[in-house]
C-alpha atoms as a PDB file:
ATOM      1  CA  MET A   1      -0.696   3.378  99.572  1.00  0.00           C
ATOM      2  CA  LEU A   2      -0.079   2.263  95.984  1.00  0.00           C
ATOM      3  CA  ASP A   3      -2.114  -0.804  95.017  1.00  0.00           C
ATOM      4  CA  VAL A   4       0.705  -2.571  93.153  1.00  0.00           C
ATOM      5  CA  GLY A   5      -1.433  -5.587  92.255  1.00  0.00           C
ATOM      6  CA  ASN A   6      -3.761  -3.366  90.263  1.00  0.00           C
ATOM      7  CA  LEU A   7      -0.899  -2.704  87.818  1.00  0.00           C
ATOM      8  CA  ILE A   8      -0.682  -6.301  86.602  1.00  0.00           C
ATOM      9  CA  MET A   9      -2.694  -8.749  84.531  1.00  0.00           C
ATOM     10  CA  VAL A  10      -1.902 -12.446  84.793  1.00  0.00           C
ATOM     11  CA  GLY A  11      -2.650 -15.695  82.987  1.00  0.00           C
ATOM     12  CA  LEU A  12      -3.780 -19.047  84.408  1.00  0.00           C
ATOM     13  CA  GLU A  13      -2.634 -22.614  83.819  1.00  0.00           C
ATOM     14  CA  GLY A  14      -5.898 -24.432  83.172  1.00  0.00           C
ATOM     15  CA  LEU A  15      -9.659 -24.740  83.469  1.00  0.00           C
ATOM     16  CA  SER A  16      -9.830 -24.136  87.226  1.00  0.00           C
ATOM     17  CA  LEU A  17      -7.643 -22.470  89.823  1.00  0.00           C
ATOM     18  CA  LEU A  18      -4.657 -24.348  91.215  1.00  0.00           C
ATOM     19  CA  HIS A  19      -4.017 -23.978  94.944  1.00  0.00           C
ATOM     20  CA  GLU A  20      -0.826 -22.023  94.220  1.00  0.00           C
ATOM     21  CA  GLU A  21      -2.788 -19.708  91.922  1.00  0.00           C
ATOM     22  CA  GLU A  22      -5.430 -19.110  94.591  1.00  0.00           C
ATOM     23  CA  ARG A  23      -2.748 -18.146  97.104  1.00  0.00           C
ATOM     24  CA  PHE A  24      -1.059 -15.812  94.635  1.00  0.00           C
ATOM     25  CA  LEU A  25      -4.309 -14.172  93.509  1.00  0.00           C
ATOM     26  CA  ALA A  26      -5.468 -13.636  97.093  1.00  0.00           C
ATOM     27  CA  THR A  27      -2.136 -12.052  98.063  1.00  0.00           C
ATOM     28  CA  ALA A  28      -1.270 -10.037  94.942  1.00  0.00           C
ATOM     29  CA  ARG A  29      -4.852  -9.125  94.016  1.00  0.00           C
ATOM     30  CA  PRO A  30      -4.016  -8.422  90.361  1.00  0.00           C
ATOM     31  CA  GLY A  31      -6.107  -5.920  88.480  1.00  0.00           C
ATOM     32  CA  GLY A  32      -6.836  -8.349  85.670  1.00  0.00           C
ATOM     33  CA  VAL A  33      -6.714 -11.883  84.324  1.00  0.00           C
ATOM     34  CA  ILE A  34      -6.369 -12.890  80.678  1.00  0.00           C
ATOM     35  CA  PHE A  35      -7.950 -16.062  79.289  1.00  0.00           C
ATOM     36  CA  PHE A  36      -6.481 -18.332  76.592  1.00  0.00           C
ATOM     37  CA  SER A  37      -7.839 -21.458  74.926  1.00  0.00           C
ATOM     38  CA  ARG A  38      -6.410 -23.591  77.753  1.00  0.00           C
ATOM     39  CA  ASN A  39      -8.791 -21.849  80.159  1.00  0.00           C
ATOM     40  CA  MET A  40     -11.980 -22.397  78.146  1.00  0.00           C
ATOM     41  CA  GLU A  41     -13.954 -25.641  77.925  1.00  0.00           C
ATOM     42  CA  ASN A  42     -17.641 -24.777  78.103  1.00  0.00           C
ATOM     43  CA  ARG A  43     -19.905 -21.898  79.112  1.00  0.00           C
ATOM     44  CA  ARG A  44     -20.582 -23.118  82.654  1.00  0.00           C
ATOM     45  CA  GLN A  45     -16.873 -23.732  83.371  1.00  0.00           C
ATOM     46  CA  ILE A  46     -15.848 -20.298  82.048  1.00  0.00           C
ATOM     47  CA  GLN A  47     -18.476 -18.470  84.089  1.00  0.00           C
ATOM     48  CA  LYS A  48     -17.570 -20.464  87.205  1.00  0.00           C
ATOM     49  CA  LEU A  49     -13.866 -19.660  86.781  1.00  0.00           C
ATOM     50  CA  ILE A  50     -14.601 -15.944  86.387  1.00  0.00           C
ATOM     51  CA  ARG A  51     -16.719 -15.976  89.560  1.00  0.00           C
ATOM     52  CA  SER A  52     -13.875 -17.724  91.395  1.00  0.00           C
ATOM     53  CA  LEU A  53     -11.390 -15.108  90.206  1.00  0.00           C
ATOM     54  CA  LYS A  54     -13.513 -12.226  91.478  1.00  0.00           C
ATOM     55  CA  ARG A  55     -14.059 -13.975  94.805  1.00  0.00           C
ATOM     56  CA  VAL A  56     -10.395 -14.848  95.391  1.00  0.00           C
ATOM     57  CA  THR A  57      -9.017 -11.444  94.324  1.00  0.00           C
ATOM     58  CA  GLY A  58     -11.777  -9.532  96.072  1.00  0.00           C
ATOM     59  CA  ARG A  59     -12.071  -7.354  92.972  1.00  0.00           C
ATOM     60  CA  LYS A  60     -15.584  -6.858  91.632  1.00  0.00           C
ATOM     61  CA  ASP A  61     -14.056  -4.575  88.996  1.00  0.00           C
ATOM     62  CA  LEU A  62     -11.502  -7.194  87.879  1.00  0.00           C
ATOM     63  CA  TRP A  63     -10.434  -6.918  84.245  1.00  0.00           C
ATOM     64  CA  VAL A  64     -11.418 -10.222  82.646  1.00  0.00           C
ATOM     65  CA  ALA A  65      -9.656 -10.087  79.308  1.00  0.00           C
ATOM     66  CA  ILE A  66      -9.162 -12.126  76.153  1.00  0.00           C
ATOM     67  CA  ASP A  67      -7.640 -11.793  72.673  1.00  0.00           C
ATOM     68  CA  GLN A  68     -10.745 -12.398  70.569  1.00  0.00           C
ATOM     69  CA  GLU A  69     -10.056 -10.936  67.136  1.00  0.00           C
ATOM     70  CA  GLY A  70     -11.730 -13.508  64.894  1.00  0.00           C
ATOM     71  CA  GLY A  71      -9.986 -15.506  62.192  1.00  0.00           C
ATOM     72  CA  ARG A  72      -7.049 -17.478  63.576  1.00  0.00           C
ATOM     73  CA  VAL A  73      -7.114 -15.614  66.905  1.00  0.00           C
ATOM     74  CA  ASN A  74     -10.261 -17.256  68.234  1.00  0.00           C
ATOM     75  CA  ARG A  75      -9.786 -18.606  71.737  1.00  0.00           C
ATOM     76  CA  TRP A  76     -12.813 -20.918  71.981  1.00  0.00           C
ATOM     77  CA  ARG A  77     -13.788 -22.171  68.544  1.00  0.00           C
ATOM     78  CA  THR A  78     -16.379 -24.681  69.750  1.00  0.00           C
ATOM     79  CA  GLY A  79     -18.249 -21.911  71.546  1.00  0.00           C
ATOM     80  CA  PHE A  80     -17.625 -18.807  69.454  1.00  0.00           C
ATOM     81  CA  GLY A  81     -17.854 -20.557  66.078  1.00  0.00           C
ATOM     82  CA  ASN A  82     -15.929 -19.607  62.947  1.00  0.00           C
ATOM     83  CA  LEU A  83     -15.371 -15.867  62.749  1.00  0.00           C
ATOM     84  CA  LEU A  84     -14.066 -13.857  59.805  1.00  0.00           C
ATOM     85  CA  SER A  85     -10.487 -12.615  59.948  1.00  0.00           C
ATOM     86  CA  ALA A  86      -9.641  -8.912  59.968  1.00  0.00           C
ATOM     87  CA  GLU A  87      -8.241  -9.313  56.461  1.00  0.00           C
ATOM     88  CA  GLU A  88     -11.585 -10.652  55.209  1.00  0.00           C
ATOM     89  CA  LEU A  89     -13.450  -7.838  56.949  1.00  0.00           C
ATOM     90  CA  GLY A  90     -11.124  -5.222  55.466  1.00  0.00           C
ATOM     91  CA  GLN A  91     -11.590  -6.663  51.987  1.00  0.00           C
ATOM     92  CA  GLU A  92     -15.364  -6.588  52.430  1.00  0.00           C
ATOM     93  CA  LEU A  93     -15.247  -2.937  53.489  1.00  0.00           C
ATOM     94  CA  LYS A  94     -13.002  -2.038  50.559  1.00  0.00           C
ATOM     95  CA  ARG A  95     -15.295  -3.845  48.108  1.00  0.00           C
ATOM     96  CA  THR A  96     -18.692  -2.665  49.345  1.00  0.00           C
ATOM     97  CA  LYS A  97     -17.804   0.606  51.123  1.00  0.00           C
ATOM     98  CA  LYS A  98     -20.321  -0.516  53.770  1.00  0.00           C
ATOM     99  CA  GLY A  99     -19.531  -1.267  57.390  1.00  0.00           C
ATOM    100  CA  GLU A 100     -22.453  -3.452  58.474  1.00  0.00           C
ATOM    101  CA  VAL A 101     -20.479  -6.706  58.265  1.00  0.00           C
ATOM    102  CA  ILE A 102     -17.709  -5.414  60.550  1.00  0.00           C
ATOM    103  CA  LEU A 103     -20.170  -3.796  62.952  1.00  0.00           C
ATOM    104  CA  ASN A 104     -22.233  -6.979  63.232  1.00  0.00           C
ATOM    105  CA  HIS A 105     -19.092  -9.135  63.530  1.00  0.00           C
ATOM    106  CA  ALA A 106     -17.860  -7.047  66.472  1.00  0.00           C
ATOM    107  CA  LYS A 107     -21.311  -6.942  68.067  1.00  0.00           C
ATOM    108  CA  LYS A 108     -21.456 -10.740  67.990  1.00  0.00           C
ATOM    109  CA  ILE A 109     -18.035 -10.993  69.604  1.00  0.00           C
ATOM    110  CA  GLY A 110     -19.003  -8.431  72.240  1.00  0.00           C
ATOM    111  CA  ARG A 111     -22.341 -10.095  72.941  1.00  0.00           C
ATOM    112  CA  ASP A 112     -20.749 -13.541  73.356  1.00  0.00           C
ATOM    113  CA  LEU A 113     -17.945 -12.232  75.559  1.00  0.00           C
ATOM    114  CA  SER A 114     -20.244 -10.167  77.749  1.00  0.00           C
ATOM    115  CA  ALA A 115     -22.569 -13.128  78.316  1.00  0.00           C
ATOM    116  CA  LEU A 116     -19.624 -15.137  79.634  1.00  0.00           C
ATOM    117  CA  GLY A 117     -18.382 -12.391  81.939  1.00  0.00           C
ATOM    118  CA  PHE A 118     -15.559 -10.782  79.933  1.00  0.00           C
ATOM    119  CA  ASN A 119     -15.238  -7.005  80.014  1.00  0.00           C
ATOM    120  CA  LEU A 120     -12.046  -6.388  77.970  1.00  0.00           C
ATOM    121  CA  ASN A 121     -11.021  -7.579  74.521  1.00  0.00           C
ATOM    122  CA  PHE A 122      -7.483  -7.021  73.214  1.00  0.00           C
ATOM    123  CA  ALA A 123      -8.769  -6.158  69.760  1.00  0.00           C
ATOM    124  CA  PRO A 124      -8.886  -4.793  67.135  1.00  0.00           C
ATOM    125  CA  VAL A 125      -5.458  -5.016  65.514  1.00  0.00           C
ATOM    126  CA  LEU A 126      -4.584  -1.501  64.291  1.00  0.00           C
ATOM    127  CA  ASP A 127      -1.415  -2.556  62.476  1.00  0.00           C
ATOM    128  CA  VAL A 128      -1.147  -1.613  58.798  1.00  0.00           C
ATOM    129  CA  LEU A 129       0.212  -4.615  56.896  1.00  0.00           C
ATOM    130  CA  THR A 130       3.027  -2.917  54.991  1.00  0.00           C
ATOM    131  CA  THR A 131       5.076  -6.113  54.558  1.00  0.00           C
ATOM    132  CA  SER A 132       3.206  -8.938  52.814  1.00  0.00           C
ATOM    133  CA  VAL A 133       5.575 -11.591  54.226  1.00  0.00           C
ATOM    134  CA  ASN A 134       4.774 -10.541  57.798  1.00  0.00           C
ATOM    135  CA  THR A 135       3.363 -13.770  59.239  1.00  0.00           C
ATOM    136  CA  VAL A 136       2.890 -12.762  62.877  1.00  0.00           C
ATOM    137  CA  ILE A 137       0.315 -10.132  61.819  1.00  0.00           C
ATOM    138  CA  GLY A 138      -0.743 -11.263  58.337  1.00  0.00           C
ATOM    139  CA  ASP A 139      -4.498 -11.741  58.117  1.00  0.00           C
ATOM    140  CA  ARG A 140      -4.934 -10.260  61.587  1.00  0.00           C
ATOM    141  CA  SER A 141      -4.627  -6.831  59.941  1.00  0.00           C
ATOM    142  CA  PHE A 142      -7.523  -5.147  58.146  1.00  0.00           C
ATOM    143  CA  GLY A 143      -5.157  -4.439  55.256  1.00  0.00           C
ATOM    144  CA  LYS A 144      -2.313  -2.393  53.790  1.00  0.00           C
ATOM    145  CA  ASP A 145      -4.232   0.877  53.391  1.00  0.00           C
ATOM    146  CA  PRO A 146      -4.188   3.035  56.558  1.00  0.00           C
ATOM    147  CA  GLU A 147      -7.582   4.479  55.627  1.00  0.00           C
ATOM    148  CA  ILE A 148      -9.255   1.074  55.352  1.00  0.00           C
ATOM    149  CA  VAL A 149      -7.595  -0.108  58.572  1.00  0.00           C
ATOM    150  CA  SER A 150      -8.783   3.035  60.371  1.00  0.00           C
ATOM    151  CA  LYS A 151     -12.391   2.803  59.168  1.00  0.00           C
ATOM    152  CA  ALA A 152     -12.633  -0.928  59.865  1.00  0.00           C
ATOM    153  CA  ALA A 153     -11.093  -0.578  63.318  1.00  0.00           C
ATOM    154  CA  ILE A 154     -13.465   2.181  64.379  1.00  0.00           C
ATOM    155  CA  LEU A 155     -16.453   0.094  63.295  1.00  0.00           C
ATOM    156  CA  PHE A 156     -15.073  -2.870  65.236  1.00  0.00           C
ATOM    157  CA  ILE A 157     -14.571  -0.732  68.353  1.00  0.00           C
ATOM    158  CA  LYS A 158     -18.112   0.655  68.172  1.00  0.00           C
ATOM    159  CA  GLY A 159     -19.632  -2.797  67.712  1.00  0.00           C
ATOM    160  CA  LEU A 160     -17.674  -4.341  70.548  1.00  0.00           C
ATOM    161  CA  GLU A 161     -18.284  -1.545  73.037  1.00  0.00           C
ATOM    162  CA  SER A 162     -22.007  -1.389  72.205  1.00  0.00           C
ATOM    163  CA  GLN A 163     -22.193  -4.743  74.016  1.00  0.00           C
ATOM    164  CA  GLY A 164     -20.396  -3.552  77.148  1.00  0.00           C
ATOM    165  CA  VAL A 165     -16.928  -4.917  76.342  1.00  0.00           C
ATOM    166  CA  MET A 166     -14.001  -2.496  76.231  1.00  0.00           C
ATOM    167  CA  ALA A 167     -11.833  -2.559  73.110  1.00  0.00           C
ATOM    168  CA  CYS A 168      -8.054  -2.317  73.276  1.00  0.00           C
ATOM    169  CA  GLY A 169      -6.309  -1.561  69.982  1.00  0.00           C
ATOM    170  CA  LYS A 170      -2.870  -3.018  69.284  1.00  0.00           C
ATOM    171  CA  HIS A 171       0.133  -3.033  68.659  1.00  0.00           C
ATOM    172  CA  PHE A 172       1.437   0.557  69.013  1.00  0.00           C
ATOM    173  CA  PRO A 173       3.457   1.962  67.218  1.00  0.00           C
ATOM    174  CA  GLY A 174       2.612  -0.615  64.514  1.00  0.00           C
ATOM    175  CA  HIS A 175       3.725  -4.223  63.993  1.00  0.00           C
ATOM    176  CA  GLY A 176       2.716  -4.517  60.337  1.00  0.00           C
ATOM    177  CA  GLY A 177       6.127  -3.850  58.826  1.00  0.00           C
ATOM    178  CA  THR A 178       8.207  -6.588  60.444  1.00  0.00           C
ATOM    179  CA  VAL A 179       9.900  -9.277  58.360  1.00  0.00           C
ATOM    180  CA  ALA A 180       8.994 -12.945  57.990  1.00  0.00           C
ATOM    181  CA  GLY A 181      10.258 -15.587  60.388  1.00  0.00           C
ATOM    182  CA  PRO A 182      11.268 -15.510  64.069  1.00  0.00           C
ATOM    183  CA  GLN A 183      13.238 -12.268  63.719  1.00  0.00           C
ATOM    184  CA  GLY A 184      10.014 -10.448  62.813  1.00  0.00           C
ATOM    185  CA  ASP A 185       7.895 -12.045  65.540  1.00  0.00           C
ATOM    186  CA  SER A 186       8.094 -10.444  68.987  1.00  0.00           C
ATOM    187  CA  HIS A 187       6.853 -13.712  70.515  1.00  0.00           C
ATOM    188  CA  LYS A 188      10.264 -15.136  69.549  1.00  0.00           C
ATOM    189  CA  GLU A 189      12.689 -12.205  69.224  1.00  0.00           C
ATOM    190  CA  LEU A 190      12.785  -8.426  69.352  1.00  0.00           C
ATOM    191  CA  PRO A 191      12.087  -7.129  65.817  1.00  0.00           C
ATOM    192  CA  THR A 192      13.803  -3.964  64.571  1.00  0.00           C
ATOM    193  CA  LEU A 193      12.160  -1.424  62.272  1.00  0.00           C
ATOM    194  CA  SER A 194      14.024   1.341  60.452  1.00  0.00           C
ATOM    195  CA  HIS A 195      11.052   3.741  60.316  1.00  0.00           C
ATOM    196  CA  ASP A 196      11.534   7.349  61.340  1.00  0.00           C
ATOM    197  CA  LEU A 197       8.864   9.554  62.893  1.00  0.00           C
ATOM    198  CA  LYS A 198       7.856  11.066  59.554  1.00  0.00           C
ATOM    199  CA  ARG A 199       7.130   7.610  58.117  1.00  0.00           C
ATOM    200  CA  LEU A 200       5.272   6.473  61.245  1.00  0.00           C
ATOM    201  CA  LYS A 201       3.005   9.527  61.188  1.00  0.00           C
ATOM    202  CA  LYS A 202       2.214   8.956  57.513  1.00  0.00           C
ATOM    203  CA  VAL A 203       1.401   5.235  57.766  1.00  0.00           C
ATOM    204  CA  GLU A 204       1.604   3.298  61.036  1.00  0.00           C
ATOM    205  CA  PHE A 205       0.220   5.960  63.381  1.00  0.00           C
ATOM    206  CA  VAL A 206      -2.845   6.721  61.239  1.00  0.00           C
ATOM    207  CA  PRO A 207      -5.218   4.030  62.625  1.00  0.00           C
ATOM    208  CA  PHE A 208      -4.084   4.729  66.191  1.00  0.00           C
ATOM    209  CA  ALA A 209      -4.649   8.465  65.788  1.00  0.00           C
ATOM    210  CA  ARG A 210      -8.105   7.894  64.273  1.00  0.00           C
ATOM    211  CA  ALA A 211      -9.043   5.436  67.022  1.00  0.00           C
ATOM    212  CA  ILE A 212      -7.933   7.938  69.671  1.00  0.00           C
ATOM    213  CA  ARG A 213     -10.087  10.639  68.085  1.00  0.00           C
ATOM    214  CA  ALA A 214     -12.990   8.172  68.007  1.00  0.00           C
ATOM    215  CA  GLY A 215     -12.636   7.672  71.759  1.00  0.00           C
ATOM    216  CA  ILE A 216     -10.954   4.269  72.154  1.00  0.00           C
ATOM    217  CA  HIS A 217     -10.358   3.515  75.837  1.00  0.00           C
ATOM    218  CA  GLY A 218      -7.374   1.145  75.622  1.00  0.00           C
ATOM    219  CA  LEU A 219      -4.215   0.690  73.567  1.00  0.00           C
ATOM    220  CA  MET A 220      -1.506  -1.970  73.756  1.00  0.00           C
ATOM    221  CA  THR A 221       2.157  -1.305  73.061  1.00  0.00           C
ATOM    222  CA  ALA A 222       4.427  -3.527  70.963  1.00  0.00           C
ATOM    223  CA  HIS A 223       7.808  -5.067  71.641  1.00  0.00           C
ATOM    224  CA  LEU A 224       9.552  -3.409  68.691  1.00  0.00           C
ATOM    225  CA  LEU A 225      12.890  -1.610  68.474  1.00  0.00           C
ATOM    226  CA  LEU A 226      12.859   1.552  66.344  1.00  0.00           C
ATOM    227  CA  PRO A 227      16.411   2.949  66.655  1.00  0.00           C
ATOM    228  CA  LYS A 228      15.662   6.223  64.856  1.00  0.00           C
ATOM    229  CA  ILE A 229      13.393   7.199  67.748  1.00  0.00           C
ATOM    230  CA  ASP A 230      14.754   5.214  70.691  1.00  0.00           C
ATOM    231  CA  PRO A 231      18.034   3.369  69.974  1.00  0.00           C
ATOM    232  CA  GLN A 232      18.062   1.606  73.343  1.00  0.00           C
ATOM    233  CA  LEU A 233      14.618   0.420  74.395  1.00  0.00           C
ATOM    234  CA  PRO A 234      11.721  -1.302  72.611  1.00  0.00           C
ATOM    235  CA  ALA A 235       8.611   0.820  72.165  1.00  0.00           C
ATOM    236  CA  SER A 236       6.802  -1.002  74.985  1.00  0.00           C
ATOM    237  CA  LEU A 237       9.503   0.102  77.465  1.00  0.00           C
ATOM    238  CA  SER A 238      10.282   3.475  75.890  1.00  0.00           C
ATOM    239  CA  LEU A 239       9.478   6.841  77.467  1.00  0.00           C
ATOM    240  CA  PRO A 240       9.705   8.574  74.048  1.00  0.00           C
ATOM    241  CA  PHE A 241       7.075   6.227  72.602  1.00  0.00           C
ATOM    242  CA  VAL A 242       4.692   5.723  75.531  1.00  0.00           C
ATOM    243  CA  THR A 243       4.690   9.162  77.140  1.00  0.00           C
ATOM    244  CA  LYS A 244       6.179  11.642  74.668  1.00  0.00           C
ATOM    245  CA  ILE A 245       4.434  10.356  71.528  1.00  0.00           C
ATOM    246  CA  LEU A 246       1.337   8.419  72.617  1.00  0.00           C
ATOM    247  CA  ARG A 247       0.355  10.520  75.631  1.00  0.00           C
ATOM    248  CA  GLU A 248       1.645  13.993  74.825  1.00  0.00           C
ATOM    249  CA  GLN A 249       1.715  14.247  71.030  1.00  0.00           C
ATOM    250  CA  MET A 250      -1.217  11.961  70.150  1.00  0.00           C
ATOM    251  CA  LYS A 251      -3.244  13.028  73.229  1.00  0.00           C
ATOM    252  CA  PHE A 252      -4.280   9.509  74.268  1.00  0.00           C
ATOM    253  CA  LYS A 253      -6.013   9.682  77.645  1.00  0.00           C
ATOM    254  CA  GLY A 254      -7.091   6.055  78.008  1.00  0.00           C
ATOM    255  CA  ILE A 255      -5.375   2.999  79.503  1.00  0.00           C
ATOM    256  CA  ILE A 256      -2.027   1.846  78.107  1.00  0.00           C
ATOM    257  CA  PHE A 257      -1.406  -1.903  78.373  1.00  0.00           C
ATOM    258  CA  SER A 258       1.922  -3.568  77.680  1.00  0.00           C
ATOM    259  CA  ASP A 259       2.010  -6.578  75.401  1.00  0.00           C
ATOM    260  CA  ASP A 260       2.901  -9.798  77.233  1.00  0.00           C
ATOM    261  CA  LEU A 261       6.158  -9.206  79.122  1.00  0.00           C
ATOM    262  CA  LEU A 262       6.898 -12.942  78.978  1.00  0.00           C
ATOM    263  CA  MET A 263       7.303 -12.851  75.188  1.00  0.00           C
ATOM    264  CA  LYS A 264      10.845 -13.666  74.081  1.00  0.00           C
ATOM    265  CA  GLY A 265      11.193 -10.264  72.448  1.00  0.00           C
ATOM    266  CA  ILE A 266      11.472  -9.076  76.050  1.00  0.00           C
ATOM    267  CA  THR A 267      12.782 -12.064  78.055  1.00  0.00           C
ATOM    268  CA  ASN A 268      15.729 -12.581  75.669  1.00  0.00           C
ATOM    269  CA  HIS A 269      16.990  -9.138  76.700  1.00  0.00           C
ATOM    270  CA  TYR A 270      15.537  -8.261  80.120  1.00  0.00           C
ATOM    271  CA  SER A 271      14.484  -9.909  83.351  1.00  0.00           C
ATOM    272  CA  LEU A 272      10.774  -9.696  84.100  1.00  0.00           C
ATOM    273  CA  GLY A 273      11.464  -7.257  86.924  1.00  0.00           C
ATOM    274  CA  GLN A 274      13.582  -5.003  84.709  1.00  0.00           C
ATOM    275  CA  ALA A 275      10.972  -5.020  81.959  1.00  0.00           C
ATOM    276  CA  ALA A 276       8.123  -4.277  84.366  1.00  0.00           C
ATOM    277  CA  LEU A 277       9.962  -1.343  85.938  1.00  0.00           C
ATOM    278  CA  LEU A 278      10.988   0.099  82.563  1.00  0.00           C
ATOM    279  CA  ALA A 279       7.424  -0.211  81.227  1.00  0.00           C
ATOM    280  CA  LEU A 280       6.028   1.633  84.240  1.00  0.00           C
ATOM    281  CA  GLN A 281       8.713   4.320  84.020  1.00  0.00           C
ATOM    282  CA  ALA A 282       7.833   4.746  80.346  1.00  0.00           C
ATOM    283  CA  GLY A 283       4.242   5.524  81.305  1.00  0.00           C
ATOM    284  CA  THR A 284       2.459   2.173  80.930  1.00  0.00           C
ATOM    285  CA  ASP A 285      -0.614   1.759  83.127  1.00  0.00           C
ATOM    286  CA  HIS A 286      -1.122  -1.989  83.120  1.00  0.00           C
ATOM    287  CA  LEU A 287       1.456  -4.792  82.752  1.00  0.00           C
ATOM    288  CA  LEU A 288       0.421  -7.965  80.978  1.00  0.00           C
END
């Protein structure tokens, strides 16, 4: 029998489980839970909440995930401290041609996350920043050069996974070329990109392809519409992108996660049920 709960990853309201959340988690038994700043107060509270989640779901192998990139995406600043942004790390790599800073940065993140009980980090960002006005990605990208982004990302992945935390690169097929403002931010609307496959292979796909060859275990898809490849569905819900390109052409054998299906880039156009079904039909393994 298909374990449907294992296909989903959910978020929580606060620092401890609500009664309604306990009932849902015990019934649905989701495969993963993602933490945000609202779920993190201090070390003891975080560890206690993670223990509760494993007990209630009955899943010892529960994905306990977080977006911990560094820079402005730092979910628990009082505990993790100030961490360099991807942009700063990319600039350091470009200047020195040495990867120790990135490797050590990722090792620190991995060490801190592992000590708390996390086993999955939705990082690094593999997007090439091809539009300087792109605010949703901005300094979350290692830079505008696909080679620098690729080298920095692989160092980040190695550092993170050396501490027992799985890396998940994002946002396939590449969110670095969207415009400024809400129309370029998939949290608020569904961005459209005019890139064709030739352009994507030359620029946006490069870090993803390199990360796949380096053995990355997880990739996250993006809520982006690219009409020259799929005129109907965003990449995150698209069979051509998820299965035909990522699985078959790029030979990715790891886990494919959707980006958050409650982002307005999706909910403005689809019900949650529609989006979930389309994502699964496209070939997605795990629904966020």
